[in-house]
Amino acid sequence: MKLQSTAAIVTGGASGLGAATARTLAAGGAKVAIFDLNDALGEAIAAEIGGTFFRVNVTSEDDVIGALDAAEQANGIARVLVNCAGISVPTKTIQRDGSPHPLDSFRKVVEINLVGTYNVASKFAAGLARAEPIDGERGVIINTASVAAFDGQIGQCSYGASKAAIAGLTLPLARDLASVLIRVNTIAPGVFMTPILESLSTEALASLGKQVPMPARLGRPEEYAELAAQIVSNGYLNGETIRIDGTIRMAPR
């Protein structure tokens, strides 16, 4: 699948991994639609890359259906979807005051990270299935897990569970969509410089970077984006979860 003149959608495209992906796809010639809840950042990135922005809650069926229709009117039917929208709410199962992890918080993380991913992916695929194939495929879906799917740390029950579910979704979703010639892959990033980490001190960021064996630094969002672009272009890559983490294996804390 070539990027040039191809319509693409990036959820969570207003910042972090999503913004880097939107920029990289656009630089490759794609017509990018950004789905996000941050109007100011989303509109700014869209203006920078010559793309379009749509305010979308990925857990809302109405929002997603409406935005997919609007993006198609603007750019044509999208053949590339990169799901980057997600949140993390670190909470231990038993908190310091002895109370259990608030269930609403756990549910919210799973709802956005897992249900939101599937909501967009399934509706995107249903629309793409009516398009004509190009060079033997209709398009590709790239979801975002995390090394926390495999090495979840203390306080990451909700996040780790949601990301493990995305990794577990990869193969059955790829098999479901094989008959309509849509590939599905997942990227599992390690410790990347994203808005979640930007509030940390320079010393804390340096310490995190030193935990990575090689290269001993935080991942750059552009490196995630480069991998996403490579997945788009490699038509034989399907049903795979790829770690991009500098070989880090997370300790319990």
C-alpha atoms as a PDB file:
ATOM      1  CA  MET A   1       0.000   0.000   0.000  1.00  0.00           C
ATOM      2  CA  LYS A   2       1.507   3.288  -1.131  1.00  0.00           C
ATOM      3  CA  LEU A   3       0.975   6.454   0.928  1.00  0.00           C
ATOM      4  CA  GLN A   4       0.954   8.873  -1.988  1.00  0.00           C
ATOM      5  CA  SER A   5      -2.570  10.276  -2.414  1.00  0.00           C
ATOM      6  CA  THR A   6      -3.979   7.660  -0.016  1.00  0.00           C
ATOM      7  CA  ALA A   7      -6.540   8.797   2.563  1.00  0.00           C
ATOM      8  CA  ALA A   8      -5.572   7.959   6.154  1.00  0.00           C
ATOM      9  CA  ILE A   9      -7.089   8.400   9.604  1.00  0.00           C
ATOM     10  CA  VAL A  10      -5.133   8.804  12.843  1.00  0.00           C
ATOM     11  CA  THR A  11      -6.992   8.680  16.160  1.00  0.00           C
ATOM     12  CA  GLY A  12      -5.314  10.560  18.972  1.00  0.00           C
ATOM     13  CA  GLY A  13      -3.578  12.491  16.219  1.00  0.00           C
ATOM     14  CA  ALA A  14      -3.405  15.809  18.077  1.00  0.00           C
ATOM     15  CA  SER A  15      -0.374  14.912  20.189  1.00  0.00           C
ATOM     16  CA  GLY A  16       2.319  12.372  20.997  1.00  0.00           C
ATOM     17  CA  LEU A  17       2.546   9.218  18.888  1.00  0.00           C
ATOM     18  CA  GLY A  18      -0.561  10.199  16.929  1.00  0.00           C
ATOM     19  CA  ALA A  19       0.719  13.645  15.955  1.00  0.00           C
ATOM     20  CA  ALA A  20       4.063  12.178  14.840  1.00  0.00           C
ATOM     21  CA  THR A  21       2.210   9.572  12.791  1.00  0.00           C
ATOM     22  CA  ALA A  22      -0.030  12.183  11.169  1.00  0.00           C
ATOM     23  CA  ARG A  23       3.055  14.188  10.187  1.00  0.00           C
ATOM     24  CA  THR A  24       4.896  11.159   8.813  1.00  0.00           C
ATOM     25  CA  LEU A  25       1.954   9.898   6.767  1.00  0.00           C
ATOM     26  CA  ALA A  26       1.341  13.366   5.365  1.00  0.00           C
ATOM     27  CA  ALA A  27       5.030  13.711   4.474  1.00  0.00           C
ATOM     28  CA  GLY A  28       4.656  10.490   2.496  1.00  0.00           C
ATOM     29  CA  GLY A  29       1.837  12.007   0.472  1.00  0.00           C
ATOM     30  CA  ALA A  30      -1.184  10.749   2.411  1.00  0.00           C
ATOM     31  CA  LYS A  31      -4.325  12.816   2.948  1.00  0.00           C
ATOM     32  CA  VAL A  32      -4.635  12.644   6.719  1.00  0.00           C
ATOM     33  CA  ALA A  33      -7.729  13.078   8.883  1.00  0.00           C
ATOM     34  CA  ILE A  34      -7.106  13.529  12.605  1.00  0.00           C
ATOM     35  CA  PHE A  35      -9.662  12.226  15.113  1.00  0.00           C
ATOM     36  CA  ASP A  36      -9.186  13.679  18.600  1.00  0.00           C
ATOM     37  CA  LEU A  37     -10.948  15.547  21.410  1.00  0.00           C
ATOM     38  CA  ASN A  38      -8.383  18.351  21.642  1.00  0.00           C
ATOM     39  CA  ASP A  39      -9.734  20.964  19.232  1.00  0.00           C
ATOM     40  CA  ALA A  40      -6.848  23.433  19.494  1.00  0.00           C
ATOM     41  CA  LEU A  41      -4.029  20.931  19.031  1.00  0.00           C
ATOM     42  CA  GLY A  42      -5.934  18.886  16.459  1.00  0.00           C
ATOM     43  CA  GLU A  43      -6.692  21.889  14.287  1.00  0.00           C
ATOM     44  CA  ALA A  44      -3.102  23.099  14.600  1.00  0.00           C
ATOM     45  CA  ILE A  45      -1.624  19.760  13.474  1.00  0.00           C
ATOM     46  CA  ALA A  46      -4.147  19.516  10.638  1.00  0.00           C
ATOM     47  CA  ALA A  47      -3.229  23.010   9.438  1.00  0.00           C
ATOM     48  CA  GLU A  48       0.483  22.186   9.652  1.00  0.00           C
ATOM     49  CA  ILE A  49       0.216  19.032   7.514  1.00  0.00           C
ATOM     50  CA  GLY A  50      -2.559  20.142   5.174  1.00  0.00           C
ATOM     51  CA  GLY A  51      -4.966  17.630   6.689  1.00  0.00           C
ATOM     52  CA  THR A  52      -8.391  17.738   8.294  1.00  0.00           C
ATOM     53  CA  PHE A  53      -9.477  17.584  11.931  1.00  0.00           C
ATOM     54  CA  PHE A  54     -12.620  16.060  13.385  1.00  0.00           C
ATOM     55  CA  ARG A  55     -13.623  16.181  17.041  1.00  0.00           C
ATOM     56  CA  VAL A  56     -14.254  12.551  17.914  1.00  0.00           C
ATOM     57  CA  ASN A  57     -14.871  10.580  21.079  1.00  0.00           C
ATOM     58  CA  VAL A  58     -13.631   7.141  19.996  1.00  0.00           C
ATOM     59  CA  THR A  59     -16.053   5.405  22.364  1.00  0.00           C
ATOM     60  CA  SER A  60     -19.079   7.039  20.708  1.00  0.00           C
ATOM     61  CA  GLU A  61     -20.571   5.151  17.783  1.00  0.00           C
ATOM     62  CA  ASP A  62     -22.310   8.271  16.502  1.00  0.00           C
ATOM     63  CA  ASP A  63     -19.110  10.339  16.667  1.00  0.00           C
ATOM     64  CA  VAL A  64     -17.093   7.707  14.809  1.00  0.00           C
ATOM     65  CA  ILE A  65     -19.697   7.081  12.108  1.00  0.00           C
ATOM     66  CA  GLY A  66     -20.147  10.794  11.516  1.00  0.00           C
ATOM     67  CA  ALA A  67     -16.421  11.502  11.383  1.00  0.00           C
ATOM     68  CA  LEU A  68     -15.718   8.597   9.028  1.00  0.00           C
ATOM     69  CA  ASP A  69     -18.394   9.900   6.661  1.00  0.00           C
ATOM     70  CA  ALA A  70     -17.049  13.458   6.870  1.00  0.00           C
ATOM     71  CA  ALA A  71     -13.458  12.323   6.336  1.00  0.00           C
ATOM     72  CA  GLU A  72     -14.509  10.336   3.284  1.00  0.00           C
ATOM     73  CA  GLN A  73     -16.228  13.387   1.818  1.00  0.00           C
ATOM     74  CA  ALA A  74     -13.062  15.415   2.392  1.00  0.00           C
ATOM     75  CA  ASN A  75     -10.377  12.933   1.315  1.00  0.00           C
ATOM     76  CA  GLY A  76     -12.031   9.943  -0.307  1.00  0.00           C
ATOM     77  CA  ILE A  77     -12.373   6.533   1.320  1.00  0.00           C
ATOM     78  CA  ALA A  78      -9.600   5.965   3.860  1.00  0.00           C
ATOM     79  CA  ARG A  79      -7.401   2.923   3.364  1.00  0.00           C
ATOM     80  CA  VAL A  80      -5.114   3.441   6.369  1.00  0.00           C
ATOM     81  CA  LEU A  81      -6.178   3.662  10.014  1.00  0.00           C
ATOM     82  CA  VAL A  82      -3.734   4.195  12.873  1.00  0.00           C
ATOM     83  CA  ASN A  83      -5.347   4.012  16.301  1.00  0.00           C
ATOM     84  CA  CYS A  84      -3.293   6.004  18.809  1.00  0.00           C
ATOM     85  CA  ALA A  85      -6.046   7.336  21.079  1.00  0.00           C
ATOM     86  CA  GLY A  86      -5.638   6.141  24.646  1.00  0.00           C
ATOM     87  CA  ILE A  87      -5.222   7.077  28.300  1.00  0.00           C
ATOM     88  CA  SER A  88      -3.428   5.844  31.407  1.00  0.00           C
ATOM     89  CA  VAL A  89      -4.651   6.281  34.985  1.00  0.00           C
ATOM     90  CA  PRO A  90      -2.049   4.622  37.255  1.00  0.00           C
ATOM     91  CA  THR A  91      -3.787   3.170  40.314  1.00  0.00           C
ATOM     92  CA  LYS A  92      -2.893   0.263  42.580  1.00  0.00           C
ATOM     93  CA  THR A  93      -5.505  -2.413  43.200  1.00  0.00           C
ATOM     94  CA  ILE A  94      -5.428  -1.529  46.897  1.00  0.00           C
ATOM     95  CA  GLN A  95      -4.732   2.163  47.455  1.00  0.00           C
ATOM     96  CA  ARG A  96      -2.818   3.714  50.343  1.00  0.00           C
ATOM     97  CA  ASP A  97      -6.000   4.320  52.310  1.00  0.00           C
ATOM     98  CA  GLY A  98      -6.964   0.657  51.964  1.00  0.00           C
ATOM     99  CA  SER A  99      -9.733   1.259  49.434  1.00  0.00           C
ATOM    100  CA  PRO A 100      -9.904  -0.755  46.206  1.00  0.00           C
ATOM    101  CA  HIS A 101      -9.162   0.600  42.757  1.00  0.00           C
ATOM    102  CA  PRO A 102     -12.240   2.686  41.752  1.00  0.00           C
ATOM    103  CA  LEU A 103     -14.134   0.599  39.243  1.00  0.00           C
ATOM    104  CA  ASP A 104     -15.229   3.622  37.224  1.00  0.00           C
ATOM    105  CA  SER A 105     -11.592   4.526  36.630  1.00  0.00           C
ATOM    106  CA  PHE A 106     -10.718   0.979  35.556  1.00  0.00           C
ATOM    107  CA  ARG A 107     -13.735   0.868  33.253  1.00  0.00           C
ATOM    108  CA  LYS A 108     -12.857   4.230  31.663  1.00  0.00           C
ATOM    109  CA  VAL A 109      -9.343   3.119  30.714  1.00  0.00           C
ATOM    110  CA  VAL A 110     -10.626  -0.111  29.163  1.00  0.00           C
ATOM    111  CA  GLU A 111     -13.485   1.735  27.434  1.00  0.00           C
ATOM    112  CA  ILE A 112     -11.198   4.244  25.728  1.00  0.00           C
ATOM    113  CA  ASN A 113      -8.173   2.066  25.021  1.00  0.00           C
ATOM    114  CA  LEU A 114      -9.855  -1.186  24.012  1.00  0.00           C
ATOM    115  CA  VAL A 115     -13.497  -0.489  23.173  1.00  0.00           C
ATOM    116  CA  GLY A 116     -12.583   2.791  21.460  1.00  0.00           C
ATOM    117  CA  THR A 117      -9.963   1.048  19.342  1.00  0.00           C
ATOM    118  CA  TYR A 118     -12.395  -1.660  18.258  1.00  0.00           C
ATOM    119  CA  ASN A 119     -15.194   0.836  17.682  1.00  0.00           C
ATOM    120  CA  VAL A 120     -13.130   2.804  15.170  1.00  0.00           C
ATOM    121  CA  ALA A 121     -11.479  -0.247  13.607  1.00  0.00           C
ATOM    122  CA  SER A 122     -14.712  -2.141  13.003  1.00  0.00           C
ATOM    123  CA  LYS A 123     -16.545   0.812  11.482  1.00  0.00           C
ATOM    124  CA  PHE A 124     -13.531   1.784   9.391  1.00  0.00           C
ATOM    125  CA  ALA A 125     -13.304  -1.793   8.079  1.00  0.00           C
ATOM    126  CA  ALA A 126     -17.007  -1.972   7.248  1.00  0.00           C
ATOM    127  CA  GLY A 127     -16.690   1.141   5.098  1.00  0.00           C
ATOM    128  CA  LEU A 128     -13.433   0.080   3.464  1.00  0.00           C
ATOM    129  CA  ALA A 129     -14.803  -3.353   2.532  1.00  0.00           C
ATOM    130  CA  ARG A 130     -16.857  -1.768  -0.277  1.00  0.00           C
ATOM    131  CA  ALA A 131     -13.806  -0.182  -1.950  1.00  0.00           C
ATOM    132  CA  GLU A 132     -11.956  -1.698  -4.875  1.00  0.00           C
ATOM    133  CA  PRO A 133      -8.721  -3.518  -3.951  1.00  0.00           C
ATOM    134  CA  ILE A 134      -5.373  -2.014  -4.911  1.00  0.00           C
ATOM    135  CA  ASP A 135      -2.521  -4.443  -5.621  1.00  0.00           C
ATOM    136  CA  GLY A 136      -4.335  -7.238  -3.826  1.00  0.00           C
ATOM    137  CA  GLU A 137      -5.428  -5.395  -0.675  1.00  0.00           C
ATOM    138  CA  ARG A 138      -7.962  -2.829   0.388  1.00  0.00           C
ATOM    139  CA  GLY A 139      -6.070  -1.283   3.273  1.00  0.00           C
ATOM    140  CA  VAL A 140      -4.498  -1.668   6.694  1.00  0.00           C
ATOM    141  CA  ILE A 141      -5.373  -1.070  10.343  1.00  0.00           C
ATOM    142  CA  ILE A 142      -2.617  -0.362  12.871  1.00  0.00           C
ATOM    143  CA  ASN A 143      -3.540  -0.451  16.548  1.00  0.00           C
ATOM    144  CA  THR A 144      -1.415   0.619  19.509  1.00  0.00           C
ATOM    145  CA  ALA A 145      -0.699  -1.667  22.451  1.00  0.00           C
ATOM    146  CA  SER A 146       2.264  -1.179  24.812  1.00  0.00           C
ATOM    147  CA  VAL A 147       5.030  -3.179  26.436  1.00  0.00           C
ATOM    148  CA  ALA A 148       2.719  -2.933  29.455  1.00  0.00           C
ATOM    149  CA  ALA A 149       0.659  -5.599  27.683  1.00  0.00           C
ATOM    150  CA  PHE A 150       3.461  -8.028  28.534  1.00  0.00           C
ATOM    151  CA  ASP A 151       5.425  -6.316  31.350  1.00  0.00           C
ATOM    152  CA  GLY A 152       2.712  -4.425  33.219  1.00  0.00           C
ATOM    153  CA  GLN A 153       4.074  -2.645  36.257  1.00  0.00           C
ATOM    154  CA  ILE A 154       2.659  -1.973  39.723  1.00  0.00           C
ATOM    155  CA  GLY A 155      -0.322   0.351  39.384  1.00  0.00           C
ATOM    156  CA  GLN A 156      -0.945  -0.564  35.739  1.00  0.00           C
ATOM    157  CA  CYS A 157      -3.757  -3.106  36.055  1.00  0.00           C
ATOM    158  CA  SER A 158      -6.254  -1.131  33.964  1.00  0.00           C
ATOM    159  CA  TYR A 159      -3.687   0.064  31.416  1.00  0.00           C
ATOM    160  CA  GLY A 160      -1.909  -3.289  31.139  1.00  0.00           C
ATOM    161  CA  ALA A 161      -5.183  -5.162  30.771  1.00  0.00           C
ATOM    162  CA  SER A 162      -6.425  -2.820  28.056  1.00  0.00           C
ATOM    163  CA  LYS A 163      -3.174  -3.032  26.096  1.00  0.00           C
ATOM    164  CA  ALA A 164      -2.923  -6.810  26.483  1.00  0.00           C
ATOM    165  CA  ALA A 165      -6.443  -6.999  25.062  1.00  0.00           C
ATOM    166  CA  ILE A 166      -5.382  -4.962  22.035  1.00  0.00           C
ATOM    167  CA  ALA A 167      -2.468  -7.340  21.452  1.00  0.00           C
ATOM    168  CA  GLY A 168      -4.912 -10.237  21.804  1.00  0.00           C
ATOM    169  CA  LEU A 169      -7.299  -8.583  19.358  1.00  0.00           C
ATOM    170  CA  THR A 170      -4.684  -8.433  16.606  1.00  0.00           C
ATOM    171  CA  LEU A 171      -4.778 -11.972  15.222  1.00  0.00           C
ATOM    172  CA  PRO A 172      -8.536 -12.605  15.366  1.00  0.00           C
ATOM    173  CA  LEU A 173      -9.238  -9.195  13.841  1.00  0.00           C
ATOM    174  CA  ALA A 174      -6.710  -9.875  11.069  1.00  0.00           C
ATOM    175  CA  ARG A 175      -8.353 -13.234  10.423  1.00  0.00           C
ATOM    176  CA  ASP A 176     -11.821 -11.674  10.455  1.00  0.00           C
ATOM    177  CA  LEU A 177     -10.802  -9.094   7.855  1.00  0.00           C
ATOM    178  CA  ALA A 178      -8.631 -11.306   5.639  1.00  0.00           C
ATOM    179  CA  SER A 179     -11.631 -12.171   3.479  1.00  0.00           C
ATOM    180  CA  VAL A 180     -12.106  -8.476   2.651  1.00  0.00           C
ATOM    181  CA  LEU A 181      -8.364  -7.939   2.071  1.00  0.00           C
ATOM    182  CA  ILE A 182      -7.720  -5.648   5.066  1.00  0.00           C
ATOM    183  CA  ARG A 183      -4.542  -6.215   7.079  1.00  0.00           C
ATOM    184  CA  VAL A 184      -4.313  -5.662  10.841  1.00  0.00           C
ATOM    185  CA  ASN A 185      -1.141  -5.145  12.863  1.00  0.00           C
ATOM    186  CA  THR A 186      -0.311  -3.719  16.282  1.00  0.00           C
ATOM    187  CA  ILE A 187       2.630  -1.681  17.546  1.00  0.00           C
ATOM    188  CA  ALA A 188       3.653  -2.116  21.188  1.00  0.00           C
ATOM    189  CA  PRO A 189       5.870   0.859  22.103  1.00  0.00           C
ATOM    190  CA  GLY A 190       8.139   0.950  25.105  1.00  0.00           C
ATOM    191  CA  VAL A 191       9.020   4.089  27.061  1.00  0.00           C
ATOM    192  CA  PHE A 192       8.405   6.938  24.621  1.00  0.00           C
ATOM    193  CA  MET A 193       8.510  10.694  25.077  1.00  0.00           C
ATOM    194  CA  THR A 194       4.791  11.441  24.991  1.00  0.00           C
ATOM    195  CA  PRO A 195       2.524  13.923  26.834  1.00  0.00           C
ATOM    196  CA  ILE A 196       2.098  11.349  29.627  1.00  0.00           C
ATOM    197  CA  LEU A 197       5.806  11.773  30.498  1.00  0.00           C
ATOM    198  CA  GLU A 198       6.267  15.466  29.756  1.00  0.00           C
ATOM    199  CA  SER A 199       5.403  16.463  33.331  1.00  0.00           C
ATOM    200  CA  LEU A 200       8.363  14.517  34.722  1.00  0.00           C
ATOM    201  CA  SER A 201      11.599  16.223  35.699  1.00  0.00           C
ATOM    202  CA  THR A 202      14.713  16.084  33.535  1.00  0.00           C
ATOM    203  CA  GLU A 203      16.305  13.775  36.112  1.00  0.00           C
ATOM    204  CA  ALA A 204      13.323  11.404  36.075  1.00  0.00           C
ATOM    205  CA  LEU A 205      13.302  11.273  32.272  1.00  0.00           C
ATOM    206  CA  ALA A 206      17.036  10.551  32.218  1.00  0.00           C
ATOM    207  CA  SER A 207      16.529   7.752  34.734  1.00  0.00           C
ATOM    208  CA  LEU A 208      13.800   6.211  32.601  1.00  0.00           C
ATOM    209  CA  GLY A 209      16.019   6.401  29.541  1.00  0.00           C
ATOM    210  CA  LYS A 210      18.847   4.583  31.304  1.00  0.00           C
ATOM    211  CA  GLN A 211      16.550   1.610  31.891  1.00  0.00           C
ATOM    212  CA  VAL A 212      16.502   0.965  28.141  1.00  0.00           C
ATOM    213  CA  PRO A 213      19.388  -1.381  27.174  1.00  0.00           C
ATOM    214  CA  MET A 214      20.014  -0.130  23.628  1.00  0.00           C
ATOM    215  CA  PRO A 215      19.694   2.685  22.769  1.00  0.00           C
ATOM    216  CA  ALA A 216      19.711   3.946  26.360  1.00  0.00           C
ATOM    217  CA  ARG A 217      17.123   6.681  25.918  1.00  0.00           C
ATOM    218  CA  LEU A 218      13.417   7.269  25.569  1.00  0.00           C
ATOM    219  CA  GLY A 219      11.802   6.414  22.266  1.00  0.00           C
ATOM    220  CA  ARG A 220      10.978   9.270  19.926  1.00  0.00           C
ATOM    221  CA  PRO A 221       7.412   9.520  18.580  1.00  0.00           C
ATOM    222  CA  GLU A 222       8.896   9.792  15.086  1.00  0.00           C
ATOM    223  CA  GLU A 223      10.297   6.260  15.483  1.00  0.00           C
ATOM    224  CA  TYR A 224       6.832   4.892  16.196  1.00  0.00           C
ATOM    225  CA  ALA A 225       5.546   6.804  13.165  1.00  0.00           C
ATOM    226  CA  GLU A 226       8.293   5.411  10.919  1.00  0.00           C
ATOM    227  CA  LEU A 227       7.303   1.884  11.916  1.00  0.00           C
ATOM    228  CA  ALA A 228       3.645   2.628  11.195  1.00  0.00           C
ATOM    229  CA  ALA A 229       4.574   3.854   7.706  1.00  0.00           C
ATOM    230  CA  GLN A 230       6.653   0.712   7.113  1.00  0.00           C
ATOM    231  CA  ILE A 231       3.722  -1.488   8.127  1.00  0.00           C
ATOM    232  CA  VAL A 232       1.545   0.326   5.605  1.00  0.00           C
ATOM    233  CA  SER A 233       4.030  -0.286   2.806  1.00  0.00           C
ATOM    234  CA  ASN A 234       4.759  -3.965   3.557  1.00  0.00           C
ATOM    235  CA  GLY A 235       1.814  -5.904   2.160  1.00  0.00           C
ATOM    236  CA  TYR A 236       2.872  -9.252   3.632  1.00  0.00           C
ATOM    237  CA  LEU A 237       2.919  -8.035   7.227  1.00  0.00           C
ATOM    238  CA  ASN A 238      -0.349  -9.093   8.841  1.00  0.00           C
ATOM    239  CA  GLY A 239      -1.661 -10.259  12.207  1.00  0.00           C
ATOM    240  CA  GLU A 240       1.485  -9.256  14.078  1.00  0.00           C
ATOM    241  CA  THR A 241       2.197  -7.306  17.280  1.00  0.00           C
ATOM    242  CA  ILE A 242       5.588  -5.591  17.034  1.00  0.00           C
ATOM    243  CA  ARG A 243       7.461  -4.317  20.069  1.00  0.00           C
ATOM    244  CA  ILE A 244       9.499  -1.162  19.524  1.00  0.00           C
ATOM    245  CA  ASP A 245      11.239  -0.712  22.849  1.00  0.00           C
ATOM    246  CA  GLY A 246      15.047  -0.803  22.714  1.00  0.00           C
ATOM    247  CA  THR A 247      14.818  -4.340  24.254  1.00  0.00           C
ATOM    248  CA  ILE A 248      13.456  -3.030  27.555  1.00  0.00           C
ATOM    249  CA  ARG A 249      11.677  -5.512  29.811  1.00  0.00           C
ATOM    250  CA  MET A 250       9.882  -3.560  32.490  1.00  0.00           C
ATOM    251  CA  ALA A 251      10.606  -4.269  36.143  1.00  0.00           C
ATOM    252  CA  PRO A 252       7.699  -4.406  38.619  1.00  0.00           C
ATOM    253  CA  ARG A 253       8.119  -0.713  39.450  1.00  0.00           C
END
